[in-house]
């Protein structure tokens, strides 16, 4: 199975970038992982919130194939423990899924078209995090999930 994380907007924080790269590298020992950033929209000052979400949504949907399973990182999504999340990933792998795509939206969330295309939603917390910090948290949780599935000690450190 290939796991892809799509995120809208590049990060300008080098420390966030470094941590994302570190956990992406670690994750690569367990699964094919691709972290792809969809560039920020230009001239958003002239766009209202709905228009910005729709334009970002079009860019997200261009990256998704019909056979891909898509899970949105969304504040209204289901929350999992780290062990529960690892079990979810195991089920996806057992089902023979080729490509699982997780998506972090822009500052205003997702367009209706992206919600319609998605196969599910998960939430990392009831708290709100910057969409840049969420990248690191989520990649680390993916890595943690695979160490749990392999019975490695990382989860207990």
N, C-alpha and C. Protein backbone atom coordinates (compact mmCIF):
# COMPACT_ATOMS: atom_id res chain seq x y z
N UNK A 1 0.85 -1.19 0.00
CA UNK A 1 0.00 0.00 0.00
C UNK A 1 0.89 1.24 0.00
N UNK A 2 0.46 2.22 -0.74
CA UNK A 2 1.12 3.53 -0.75
C UNK A 2 0.26 4.48 0.07
N UNK A 3 0.89 5.25 0.94
CA UNK A 3 0.19 6.29 1.70
C UNK A 3 0.70 7.64 1.22
N UNK A 4 -0.23 8.51 0.90
CA UNK A 4 0.12 9.87 0.48
C UNK A 4 -0.54 10.85 1.43
N UNK A 5 0.21 11.85 1.82
CA UNK A 5 -0.35 12.96 2.58
C UNK A 5 -0.31 14.18 1.68
N UNK A 6 -1.48 14.72 1.38
CA UNK A 6 -1.59 15.96 0.60
C UNK A 6 -1.86 17.10 1.58
N UNK A 7 -1.13 18.18 1.44
CA UNK A 7 -1.34 19.35 2.30
C UNK A 7 -1.37 20.60 1.43
N UNK A 8 -2.31 21.47 1.73
CA UNK A 8 -2.43 22.72 0.99
C UNK A 8 -1.51 23.76 1.62
N UNK A 9 -0.62 24.32 0.83
CA UNK A 9 0.24 25.41 1.28
C UNK A 9 1.56 24.95 1.84
N UNK A 10 2.63 25.58 1.38
CA UNK A 10 3.95 25.20 1.87
C UNK A 10 4.19 25.81 3.25
N UNK A 11 5.11 25.21 3.97
CA UNK A 11 5.44 25.76 5.28
C UNK A 11 6.65 26.67 5.14
N UNK A 12 6.64 27.76 5.89
CA UNK A 12 7.80 28.66 5.87
C UNK A 12 8.59 28.50 7.16
N UNK A 13 8.25 27.47 7.94
CA UNK A 13 8.98 27.20 9.19
C UNK A 13 9.96 26.06 8.94
N UNK A 14 11.25 26.35 8.98
CA UNK A 14 12.24 25.32 8.67
C UNK A 14 12.21 24.18 9.69
N UNK A 15 11.89 24.49 10.95
CA UNK A 15 11.85 23.42 11.95
C UNK A 15 10.70 22.46 11.68
N UNK A 16 9.54 22.96 11.25
CA UNK A 16 8.43 22.09 10.89
C UNK A 16 8.82 21.23 9.68
N UNK A 17 9.47 21.87 8.72
CA UNK A 17 9.94 21.16 7.52
C UNK A 17 10.90 20.04 7.90
N UNK A 18 11.85 20.33 8.78
CA UNK A 18 12.84 19.32 9.20
C UNK A 18 12.18 18.14 9.92
N UNK A 19 11.26 18.43 10.82
CA UNK A 19 10.57 17.36 11.53
C UNK A 19 9.71 16.52 10.57
N UNK A 20 9.04 17.17 9.64
CA UNK A 20 8.24 16.43 8.65
C UNK A 20 9.14 15.49 7.85
N UNK A 21 10.30 15.99 7.43
CA UNK A 21 11.23 15.17 6.66
C UNK A 21 11.77 14.02 7.49
N UNK A 22 12.09 14.28 8.76
CA UNK A 22 12.62 13.23 9.64
C UNK A 22 11.62 12.08 9.79
N UNK A 23 10.37 12.40 10.11
CA UNK A 23 9.37 11.34 10.29
C UNK A 23 8.98 10.70 8.97
N UNK A 24 9.01 11.45 7.89
CA UNK A 24 8.75 10.85 6.58
C UNK A 24 9.81 9.81 6.25
N UNK A 25 11.07 10.14 6.56
CA UNK A 25 12.17 9.21 6.31
C UNK A 25 12.00 7.95 7.15
N UNK A 26 11.70 8.12 8.42
CA UNK A 26 11.48 6.97 9.31
C UNK A 26 10.33 6.10 8.80
N UNK A 27 9.27 6.75 8.37
CA UNK A 27 8.08 6.05 7.90
C UNK A 27 8.40 5.21 6.66
N UNK A 28 9.33 5.69 5.86
CA UNK A 28 9.72 4.99 4.64
C UNK A 28 10.27 3.59 4.88
N UNK A 29 10.66 3.28 6.11
CA UNK A 29 11.13 1.93 6.42
C UNK A 29 9.97 0.93 6.51
N UNK A 30 8.74 1.42 6.62
CA UNK A 30 7.58 0.56 6.83
C UNK A 30 6.62 0.52 5.65
N UNK A 31 6.53 1.64 4.95
CA UNK A 31 5.49 1.75 3.92
C UNK A 31 5.97 2.76 2.88
N UNK A 32 5.46 2.63 1.66
CA UNK A 32 5.74 3.67 0.66
C UNK A 32 4.95 4.91 1.08
N UNK A 33 5.67 5.99 1.33
CA UNK A 33 5.02 7.21 1.82
C UNK A 33 5.43 8.39 0.96
N UNK A 34 4.45 9.18 0.60
CA UNK A 34 4.68 10.36 -0.22
C UNK A 34 3.99 11.55 0.45
N UNK A 35 4.75 12.60 0.70
CA UNK A 35 4.19 13.83 1.27
C UNK A 35 4.23 14.88 0.18
N UNK A 36 3.07 15.33 -0.25
CA UNK A 36 2.99 16.26 -1.36
C UNK A 36 2.29 17.55 -0.93
N UNK A 37 2.93 18.65 -1.22
CA UNK A 37 2.37 19.96 -0.87
C UNK A 37 1.75 20.60 -2.11
N UNK A 38 0.52 21.00 -1.98
CA UNK A 38 -0.17 21.74 -3.05
C UNK A 38 0.12 23.22 -2.81
N UNK A 39 0.72 23.89 -3.78
CA UNK A 39 1.13 25.29 -3.55
C UNK A 39 -0.04 26.18 -3.13
N UNK A 40 0.30 27.18 -2.32
CA UNK A 40 -0.70 28.17 -1.92
C UNK A 40 -1.29 28.84 -3.15
N UNK A 41 -2.56 29.21 -3.05
CA UNK A 41 -3.18 29.99 -4.12
C UNK A 41 -2.57 31.39 -4.12
N UNK A 42 -2.48 31.97 -5.30
CA UNK A 42 -2.00 33.35 -5.41
C UNK A 42 -3.20 34.31 -5.35
N UNK A 43 -2.95 35.51 -4.87
CA UNK A 43 -3.96 36.58 -4.85
C UNK A 43 -5.26 36.18 -4.15
N UNK A 44 -5.15 35.58 -2.97
CA UNK A 44 -6.36 35.16 -2.26
C UNK A 44 -7.12 36.32 -1.64
N UNK A 45 -6.51 37.48 -1.58
CA UNK A 45 -7.20 38.63 -0.97
C UNK A 45 -8.50 38.96 -1.72
N UNK A 46 -8.52 38.66 -3.01
CA UNK A 46 -9.71 38.96 -3.81
C UNK A 46 -10.75 37.84 -3.73
N UNK A 47 -10.42 36.74 -3.06
CA UNK A 47 -11.34 35.60 -2.98
C UNK A 47 -12.05 35.57 -1.63
N UNK A 48 -13.34 35.23 -1.66
CA UNK A 48 -14.00 34.99 -0.37
C UNK A 48 -13.65 33.56 0.07
N UNK A 49 -14.03 33.24 1.29
CA UNK A 49 -13.67 31.95 1.89
C UNK A 49 -14.14 30.77 1.02
N UNK A 50 -15.39 30.83 0.55
CA UNK A 50 -15.96 29.74 -0.24
C UNK A 50 -15.19 29.56 -1.55
N UNK A 51 -14.87 30.67 -2.22
CA UNK A 51 -14.14 30.60 -3.49
C UNK A 51 -12.74 30.03 -3.27
N UNK A 52 -12.10 30.42 -2.18
CA UNK A 52 -10.76 29.89 -1.90
C UNK A 52 -10.83 28.38 -1.66
N UNK A 53 -11.83 27.92 -0.89
CA UNK A 53 -11.98 26.48 -0.64
C UNK A 53 -12.24 25.74 -1.95
N UNK A 54 -13.06 26.33 -2.83
CA UNK A 54 -13.37 25.67 -4.10
C UNK A 54 -12.13 25.56 -4.99
N UNK A 55 -11.34 26.62 -5.06
CA UNK A 55 -10.12 26.58 -5.88
C UNK A 55 -9.11 25.58 -5.31
N UNK A 56 -8.94 25.57 -3.99
CA UNK A 56 -8.05 24.59 -3.36
C UNK A 56 -8.59 23.18 -3.60
N UNK A 57 -9.90 23.04 -3.52
CA UNK A 57 -10.54 21.74 -3.75
C UNK A 57 -10.26 21.20 -5.13
N UNK A 58 -10.29 22.06 -6.13
CA UNK A 58 -9.98 21.63 -7.51
C UNK A 58 -8.56 21.10 -7.58
N UNK A 59 -7.63 21.77 -6.93
CA UNK A 59 -6.23 21.34 -6.93
C UNK A 59 -6.06 20.00 -6.20
N UNK A 60 -6.78 19.83 -5.10
CA UNK A 60 -6.74 18.56 -4.36
C UNK A 60 -7.27 17.43 -5.23
N UNK A 61 -8.44 17.64 -5.83
CA UNK A 61 -9.10 16.59 -6.61
C UNK A 61 -8.28 16.16 -7.83
N UNK A 62 -7.47 17.06 -8.37
CA UNK A 62 -6.60 16.71 -9.51
C UNK A 62 -5.56 15.66 -9.12
N UNK A 63 -5.24 15.58 -7.83
CA UNK A 63 -4.20 14.66 -7.34
C UNK A 63 -4.75 13.27 -7.01
N UNK A 64 -6.06 13.10 -7.11
CA UNK A 64 -6.71 11.87 -6.64
C UNK A 64 -7.22 11.05 -7.83
N UNK A 65 -6.91 9.76 -7.80
CA UNK A 65 -7.39 8.83 -8.82
C UNK A 65 -8.69 8.18 -8.33
N UNK A 66 -9.52 7.68 -9.28
CA UNK A 66 -10.79 7.06 -8.86
C UNK A 66 -10.63 5.89 -7.88
N UNK A 67 -9.54 5.14 -7.99
CA UNK A 67 -9.36 3.97 -7.12
C UNK A 67 -8.77 4.31 -5.75
N UNK A 68 -8.35 5.55 -5.56
CA UNK A 68 -7.73 5.95 -4.29
C UNK A 68 -8.79 6.05 -3.19
N UNK A 69 -8.41 5.67 -1.99
CA UNK A 69 -9.26 5.92 -0.84
C UNK A 69 -8.77 7.22 -0.19
N UNK A 70 -9.69 8.11 0.13
CA UNK A 70 -9.35 9.45 0.59
C UNK A 70 -9.94 9.69 1.98
N UNK A 71 -9.06 10.06 2.91
CA UNK A 71 -9.49 10.39 4.27
C UNK A 71 -9.04 11.81 4.58
N UNK A 72 -9.99 12.63 4.99
CA UNK A 72 -9.72 14.03 5.29
C UNK A 72 -9.37 14.19 6.76
N UNK A 73 -8.38 15.02 7.05
CA UNK A 73 -8.11 15.42 8.43
C UNK A 73 -9.01 16.61 8.70
N UNK A 74 -10.03 16.38 9.52
CA UNK A 74 -11.11 17.33 9.67
C UNK A 74 -11.54 17.38 11.13
N UNK A 75 -11.83 18.56 11.63
CA UNK A 75 -12.17 18.70 13.04
C UNK A 75 -13.43 17.91 13.42
N UNK A 76 -14.28 17.62 12.45
CA UNK A 76 -15.50 16.84 12.73
C UNK A 76 -15.30 15.35 12.49
N UNK A 77 -14.06 14.94 12.23
CA UNK A 77 -13.79 13.54 11.96
C UNK A 77 -13.76 12.70 13.21
N UNK A 78 -13.66 11.39 13.01
CA UNK A 78 -13.59 10.44 14.12
C UNK A 78 -12.21 10.52 14.77
N UNK A 79 -12.19 10.49 16.08
CA UNK A 79 -10.92 10.48 16.80
C UNK A 79 -10.53 9.05 17.12
N UNK A 80 -9.24 8.78 17.04
CA UNK A 80 -8.70 7.46 17.33
C UNK A 80 -7.58 7.60 18.36
N UNK A 81 -7.40 6.56 19.16
CA UNK A 81 -6.16 6.47 19.94
C UNK A 81 -5.07 6.08 18.95
N UNK A 82 -3.82 6.14 19.37
CA UNK A 82 -2.73 5.72 18.47
C UNK A 82 -2.87 4.25 18.11
N UNK A 83 -3.26 3.42 19.06
CA UNK A 83 -3.45 1.99 18.79
C UNK A 83 -4.64 1.80 17.84
N UNK A 84 -5.72 2.53 18.07
CA UNK A 84 -6.89 2.45 17.18
C UNK A 84 -6.55 2.88 15.76
N UNK A 85 -5.73 3.90 15.63
CA UNK A 85 -5.31 4.37 14.31
C UNK A 85 -4.46 3.30 13.62
N UNK A 86 -3.58 2.65 14.38
CA UNK A 86 -2.76 1.59 13.77
C UNK A 86 -3.65 0.45 13.30
N UNK A 87 -4.71 0.15 14.04
CA UNK A 87 -5.65 -0.90 13.63
C UNK A 87 -6.39 -0.51 12.35
N UNK A 88 -6.75 0.77 12.23
CA UNK A 88 -7.39 1.26 11.01
C UNK A 88 -6.46 1.06 9.80
N UNK A 89 -5.19 1.41 9.97
CA UNK A 89 -4.23 1.23 8.88
C UNK A 89 -4.07 -0.25 8.53
N UNK A 90 -4.04 -1.11 9.54
CA UNK A 90 -3.91 -2.54 9.29
C UNK A 90 -5.10 -3.06 8.47
N UNK A 91 -6.30 -2.58 8.79
CA UNK A 91 -7.49 -2.99 8.03
C UNK A 91 -7.38 -2.55 6.57
N UNK A 92 -6.87 -1.34 6.36
CA UNK A 92 -6.72 -0.84 4.98
C UNK A 92 -5.72 -1.71 4.22
N UNK A 93 -4.62 -2.09 4.88
CA UNK A 93 -3.62 -2.93 4.22
C UNK A 93 -4.20 -4.32 3.96
N UNK A 94 -4.92 -4.87 4.93
CA UNK A 94 -5.52 -6.19 4.77
C UNK A 94 -6.53 -6.22 3.63
N UNK A 95 -7.18 -5.09 3.38
CA UNK A 95 -8.18 -5.00 2.31
C UNK A 95 -7.52 -4.93 0.93
N UNK A 96 -6.18 -4.85 0.90
CA UNK A 96 -5.48 -4.81 -0.38
C UNK A 96 -5.55 -3.45 -1.07
N UNK A 97 -5.78 -2.42 -0.27
CA UNK A 97 -5.86 -1.07 -0.83
C UNK A 97 -4.51 -0.67 -1.42
N UNK A 98 -4.55 -0.11 -2.64
CA UNK A 98 -3.29 0.28 -3.30
C UNK A 98 -2.81 1.64 -2.82
N UNK A 99 -3.74 2.61 -2.75
CA UNK A 99 -3.35 3.98 -2.41
C UNK A 99 -4.32 4.57 -1.40
N UNK A 100 -3.78 5.00 -0.27
CA UNK A 100 -4.56 5.67 0.76
C UNK A 100 -4.05 7.10 0.84
N UNK A 101 -4.96 8.04 0.65
CA UNK A 101 -4.57 9.46 0.65
C UNK A 101 -5.23 10.16 1.84
N UNK A 102 -4.40 10.81 2.64
CA UNK A 102 -4.89 11.67 3.72
C UNK A 102 -4.70 13.11 3.24
N UNK A 103 -5.65 13.98 3.57
CA UNK A 103 -5.59 15.35 3.08
C UNK A 103 -5.74 16.35 4.23
N UNK A 104 -4.81 17.30 4.27
CA UNK A 104 -4.89 18.44 5.18
C UNK A 104 -5.28 19.64 4.33
N UNK A 105 -6.40 20.24 4.63
CA UNK A 105 -6.89 21.35 3.82
C UNK A 105 -6.19 22.66 4.13
N UNK A 106 -6.66 23.69 3.48
CA UNK A 106 -6.13 25.03 3.71
C UNK A 106 -6.74 25.63 4.97
N UNK A 107 -6.52 26.92 5.19
CA UNK A 107 -6.95 27.57 6.43
C UNK A 107 -8.46 27.53 6.66
N UNK A 108 -9.26 27.40 5.59
CA UNK A 108 -10.71 27.40 5.75
C UNK A 108 -11.33 26.00 5.63
N UNK A 109 -10.48 24.98 5.48
CA UNK A 109 -11.03 23.63 5.38
C UNK A 109 -11.22 23.19 3.94
N UNK A 110 -12.26 22.37 3.72
CA UNK A 110 -12.46 21.72 2.42
C UNK A 110 -13.72 22.22 1.71
N UNK A 111 -13.69 22.13 0.39
CA UNK A 111 -14.87 22.45 -0.42
C UNK A 111 -15.85 21.29 -0.35
N UNK A 112 -17.08 21.54 -0.73
CA UNK A 112 -18.11 20.48 -0.75
C UNK A 112 -17.68 19.34 -1.68
N UNK A 113 -17.05 19.68 -2.81
CA UNK A 113 -16.63 18.64 -3.77
C UNK A 113 -15.61 17.69 -3.14
N UNK A 114 -14.72 18.21 -2.30
CA UNK A 114 -13.73 17.36 -1.63
C UNK A 114 -14.43 16.48 -0.59
N UNK A 115 -15.36 17.06 0.16
CA UNK A 115 -16.12 16.25 1.12
C UNK A 115 -16.86 15.11 0.41
N UNK A 116 -17.46 15.43 -0.75
CA UNK A 116 -18.21 14.41 -1.49
C UNK A 116 -17.29 13.29 -1.99
N UNK A 117 -16.08 13.61 -2.35
CA UNK A 117 -15.15 12.60 -2.87
C UNK A 117 -14.50 11.77 -1.76
N UNK A 118 -14.51 12.27 -0.55
CA UNK A 118 -13.79 11.59 0.53
C UNK A 118 -14.50 10.30 0.95
N UNK A 119 -13.70 9.40 1.53
CA UNK A 119 -14.20 8.12 2.03
C UNK A 119 -14.29 8.11 3.55
N UNK A 120 -13.90 9.22 4.18
CA UNK A 120 -13.94 9.28 5.63
C UNK A 120 -13.23 10.50 6.14
N UNK A 121 -13.38 10.76 7.44
CA UNK A 121 -12.74 11.90 8.09
C UNK A 121 -12.18 11.44 9.42
N UNK A 122 -10.99 11.93 9.74
CA UNK A 122 -10.46 11.70 11.08
C UNK A 122 -10.04 13.04 11.66
N UNK A 123 -10.06 13.10 12.98
CA UNK A 123 -9.63 14.29 13.70
C UNK A 123 -8.50 13.89 14.63
N UNK A 124 -7.46 14.70 14.69
CA UNK A 124 -6.36 14.42 15.59
C UNK A 124 -6.68 14.86 17.02
N UNK A 125 -7.59 15.81 17.16
CA UNK A 125 -7.87 16.36 18.48
C UNK A 125 -9.10 17.26 18.39
N UNK A 126 -9.72 17.50 19.52
CA UNK A 126 -10.78 18.51 19.56
C UNK A 126 -10.19 19.91 19.50
N UNK A 127 -8.90 20.00 19.82
CA UNK A 127 -8.22 21.30 19.73
C UNK A 127 -7.94 21.63 18.26
N UNK A 128 -7.76 22.90 18.00
CA UNK A 128 -7.39 23.33 16.65
C UNK A 128 -5.89 23.58 16.62
N UNK A 129 -5.23 22.98 15.61
CA UNK A 129 -3.80 23.20 15.40
C UNK A 129 -3.61 23.95 14.10
N UNK A 130 -2.50 24.65 13.96
CA UNK A 130 -2.21 25.28 12.67
C UNK A 130 -2.09 24.16 11.63
N UNK A 131 -2.50 24.45 10.40
CA UNK A 131 -2.44 23.39 9.39
C UNK A 131 -0.99 23.04 9.06
N UNK A 132 -0.03 23.84 9.51
CA UNK A 132 1.38 23.48 9.34
C UNK A 132 1.83 22.49 10.41
N UNK A 133 1.41 22.72 11.66
CA UNK A 133 1.77 21.81 12.75
C UNK A 133 1.12 20.44 12.57
N UNK A 134 -0.09 20.43 12.05
CA UNK A 134 -0.80 19.17 11.85
C UNK A 134 0.02 18.20 11.00
N UNK A 135 0.77 18.72 10.05
CA UNK A 135 1.59 17.86 9.18
C UNK A 135 2.54 17.00 10.01
N UNK A 136 3.26 17.67 10.91
CA UNK A 136 4.23 16.95 11.75
C UNK A 136 3.51 15.97 12.66
N UNK A 137 2.43 16.42 13.31
CA UNK A 137 1.70 15.54 14.21
C UNK A 137 1.20 14.31 13.47
N UNK A 138 0.67 14.51 12.28
CA UNK A 138 0.08 13.39 11.56
C UNK A 138 1.15 12.41 11.05
N UNK A 139 2.22 12.93 10.49
CA UNK A 139 3.29 12.05 10.00
C UNK A 139 3.88 11.26 11.17
N UNK A 140 4.04 11.92 12.31
CA UNK A 140 4.54 11.21 13.48
C UNK A 140 3.56 10.11 13.91
N UNK A 141 2.28 10.38 13.85
CA UNK A 141 1.28 9.36 14.21
C UNK A 141 1.27 8.20 13.23
N UNK A 142 1.49 8.48 11.95
CA UNK A 142 1.63 7.39 10.97
C UNK A 142 2.82 6.51 11.34
N UNK A 143 3.94 7.16 11.63
CA UNK A 143 5.14 6.42 12.03
C UNK A 143 4.86 5.60 13.29
N UNK A 144 4.25 6.22 14.28
CA UNK A 144 3.92 5.54 15.53
C UNK A 144 3.02 4.33 15.26
N UNK A 145 2.05 4.50 14.38
CA UNK A 145 1.13 3.40 14.07
C UNK A 145 1.89 2.19 13.54
N UNK A 146 2.85 2.42 12.66
CA UNK A 146 3.61 1.30 12.11
C UNK A 146 4.52 0.66 13.15
N UNK A 147 5.06 1.46 14.08
CA UNK A 147 5.87 0.85 15.14
C UNK A 147 4.99 0.02 16.07
N UNK A 148 3.75 0.44 16.27
CA UNK A 148 2.80 -0.33 17.07
C UNK A 148 2.50 -1.66 16.37
N UNK A 149 2.24 -1.59 15.06
CA UNK A 149 1.94 -2.81 14.31
C UNK A 149 3.11 -3.78 14.31
N UNK A 150 4.33 -3.25 14.41
CA UNK A 150 5.53 -4.10 14.41
C UNK A 150 5.98 -4.45 15.82
N UNK A 151 5.20 -4.01 16.82
CA UNK A 151 5.55 -4.30 18.22
C UNK A 151 6.90 -3.72 18.62
N UNK A 152 7.23 -2.57 18.08
CA UNK A 152 8.51 -1.93 18.41
C UNK A 152 8.29 -0.96 19.58
N UNK A 153 9.35 -0.66 20.33
CA UNK A 153 9.20 0.08 21.58
C UNK A 153 8.90 1.58 21.45
N UNK A 154 8.98 2.17 20.28
CA UNK A 154 8.82 3.62 20.12
C UNK A 154 7.57 4.15 20.83
N UNK A 155 6.44 3.44 20.72
CA UNK A 155 5.16 3.91 21.24
C UNK A 155 5.21 4.18 22.75
N UNK A 156 6.11 3.52 23.46
CA UNK A 156 6.14 3.65 24.92
C UNK A 156 7.21 4.61 25.42
N UNK A 157 7.86 5.33 24.50
CA UNK A 157 8.91 6.27 24.93
C UNK A 157 8.32 7.64 25.17
